[in-house]
Amino acid sequence: MTFEELLAKSRETMDKVNILGLPFMAIQVNIIGKNGGVFYVKIENGKYEIEPYEYKDRSCAISLEQHIFLKILSGELDPAELYTTGKLKVVGDLAKAMEFAKLIKRKA
């Protein structure tokens, strides 16, 4: 999957998530390895943005391989378990990273 297709899949997933009433969060996602890249997911005032840029004032940054991120989006893998095994790295607010993971799991 190309990086652009990954962005589209991420947006498609976020379209299914109820983000009303959630506090501000900005998660930078660093996809490492083949077809890697950087993008951010920002949630603010009941809306989300996903853009292919770094986010300087982010809540946290997560780093993982693309195939792992796709399995998180599909609900096949648990981000907390991935974190404990070192397959998902977090820099910054770990609580926000886990909140983001729970958010993805709540999708319709």
Protein backbone atom coordinates (compact mmCIF):
# COMPACT_ATOMS: atom_id res chain seq x y z
CA MET A 1 0.00 0.00 0.00
CA THR A 2 1.35 3.41 -0.88
CA PHE A 3 1.63 6.13 1.75
CA GLU A 4 -1.18 8.06 0.04
CA GLU A 5 -3.43 4.99 0.22
CA LEU A 6 -2.60 4.68 3.92
CA LEU A 7 -3.70 8.28 4.47
CA ALA A 8 -6.97 7.56 2.64
CA LYS A 9 -7.54 4.43 4.77
CA SER A 10 -6.85 6.44 7.94
CA ARG A 11 -9.38 9.09 6.91
CA GLU A 12 -11.92 6.39 6.05
CA THR A 13 -11.46 4.90 9.52
CA MET A 14 -11.77 8.27 11.27
CA ASP A 15 -14.99 8.97 9.35
CA LYS A 16 -16.52 6.07 11.30
CA VAL A 17 -15.39 7.26 14.73
CA ASN A 18 -17.57 9.33 17.05
CA ILE A 19 -15.29 12.15 18.18
CA LEU A 20 -17.94 14.49 19.59
CA GLY A 21 -17.03 15.77 23.04
CA LEU A 22 -13.46 14.53 22.94
CA PRO A 23 -10.69 16.77 24.23
CA PHE A 24 -8.00 18.11 21.94
CA MET A 25 -5.38 15.63 20.82
CA ALA A 26 -2.76 15.69 18.09
CA ILE A 27 -1.09 12.39 17.35
CA GLN A 28 1.83 12.25 14.97
CA VAL A 29 2.15 8.88 13.24
CA ASN A 30 5.60 7.89 12.01
CA ILE A 31 5.38 4.98 9.62
CA ILE A 32 8.76 3.31 9.41
CA GLY A 33 10.07 0.95 6.76
CA LYS A 34 8.81 0.43 3.24
CA ASN A 35 6.32 3.10 2.07
CA GLY A 36 6.96 5.02 5.26
CA GLY A 37 6.17 8.62 6.01
CA VAL A 38 4.82 10.99 8.62
CA PHE A 39 1.29 12.27 9.16
CA TYR A 40 -0.79 13.60 12.00
CA VAL A 41 -4.29 13.09 13.31
CA LYS A 42 -5.69 16.12 15.12
CA ILE A 43 -9.01 16.06 16.96
CA GLU A 44 -10.45 19.37 18.05
CA ASN A 45 -13.99 20.72 18.53
CA GLY A 46 -15.66 17.55 17.26
CA LYS A 47 -13.68 17.47 13.99
CA TYR A 48 -10.57 15.68 12.83
CA GLU A 49 -7.77 16.46 10.44
CA ILE A 50 -5.32 14.02 8.90
CA GLU A 51 -2.47 15.63 7.02
CA PRO A 52 0.88 14.33 5.73
CA TYR A 53 3.05 16.58 7.89
CA GLU A 54 4.78 16.61 11.25
CA TYR A 55 2.84 18.29 14.05
CA LYS A 56 5.15 20.36 16.21
CA ASP A 57 2.83 20.81 19.23
CA ARG A 58 1.67 17.21 19.24
CA SER A 59 0.34 15.34 22.25
CA CYS A 60 2.56 12.42 21.29
CA ALA A 61 4.21 10.65 18.40
CA ILE A 62 3.85 6.97 17.66
CA SER A 63 6.23 5.00 15.47
CA LEU A 64 5.44 1.67 13.90
CA GLU A 65 5.52 -0.25 10.64
CA GLN A 66 2.74 0.20 8.10
CA HIS A 67 1.40 -3.35 8.28
CA ILE A 68 1.07 -3.03 12.05
CA PHE A 69 -0.77 0.30 11.77
CA LEU A 70 -3.19 -1.24 9.27
CA LYS A 71 -3.92 -4.10 11.67
CA ILE A 72 -4.64 -1.59 14.44
CA LEU A 73 -7.07 0.23 12.12
CA SER A 74 -8.83 -3.03 11.33
CA GLY A 75 -8.99 -4.05 14.99
CA GLU A 76 -6.76 -7.10 14.54
CA LEU A 77 -4.02 -5.90 16.92
CA ASP A 78 -4.13 -4.28 20.34
CA PRO A 79 -1.97 -1.14 20.58
CA ALA A 80 -1.33 -1.63 24.32
CA GLU A 81 0.10 -5.08 23.67
CA LEU A 82 2.17 -3.74 20.77
CA TYR A 83 3.57 -1.05 23.05
CA THR A 84 4.58 -3.55 25.72
CA THR A 85 6.33 -5.74 23.14
CA GLY A 86 8.15 -2.78 21.57
CA LYS A 87 6.43 -2.95 18.18
CA LEU A 88 4.81 0.43 18.78
CA LYS A 89 6.93 3.22 20.20
CA VAL A 90 5.50 6.33 21.86
CA VAL A 91 7.24 9.63 22.51
CA GLY A 92 5.24 12.10 24.58
CA ASP A 93 1.93 11.59 26.35
CA LEU A 94 1.37 7.83 26.56
CA ALA A 95 -2.16 8.38 27.91
CA LYS A 96 -3.11 10.32 24.73
CA ALA A 97 -1.67 7.53 22.58
CA MET A 98 -3.79 4.95 24.39
CA GLU A 99 -6.84 7.24 24.20
CA PHE A 100 -6.30 7.46 20.43
CA ALA A 101 -6.04 3.66 20.24
CA LYS A 102 -9.33 3.24 22.14
CA LEU A 103 -10.91 5.78 19.83
CA ILE A 104 -10.03 3.75 16.75
CA LYS A 105 -11.47 0.62 18.39
CA ARG A 106 -14.83 2.40 18.88
CA LYS A 107 -15.41 2.85 15.16
CA ALA A 108 -18.72 1.73 13.73
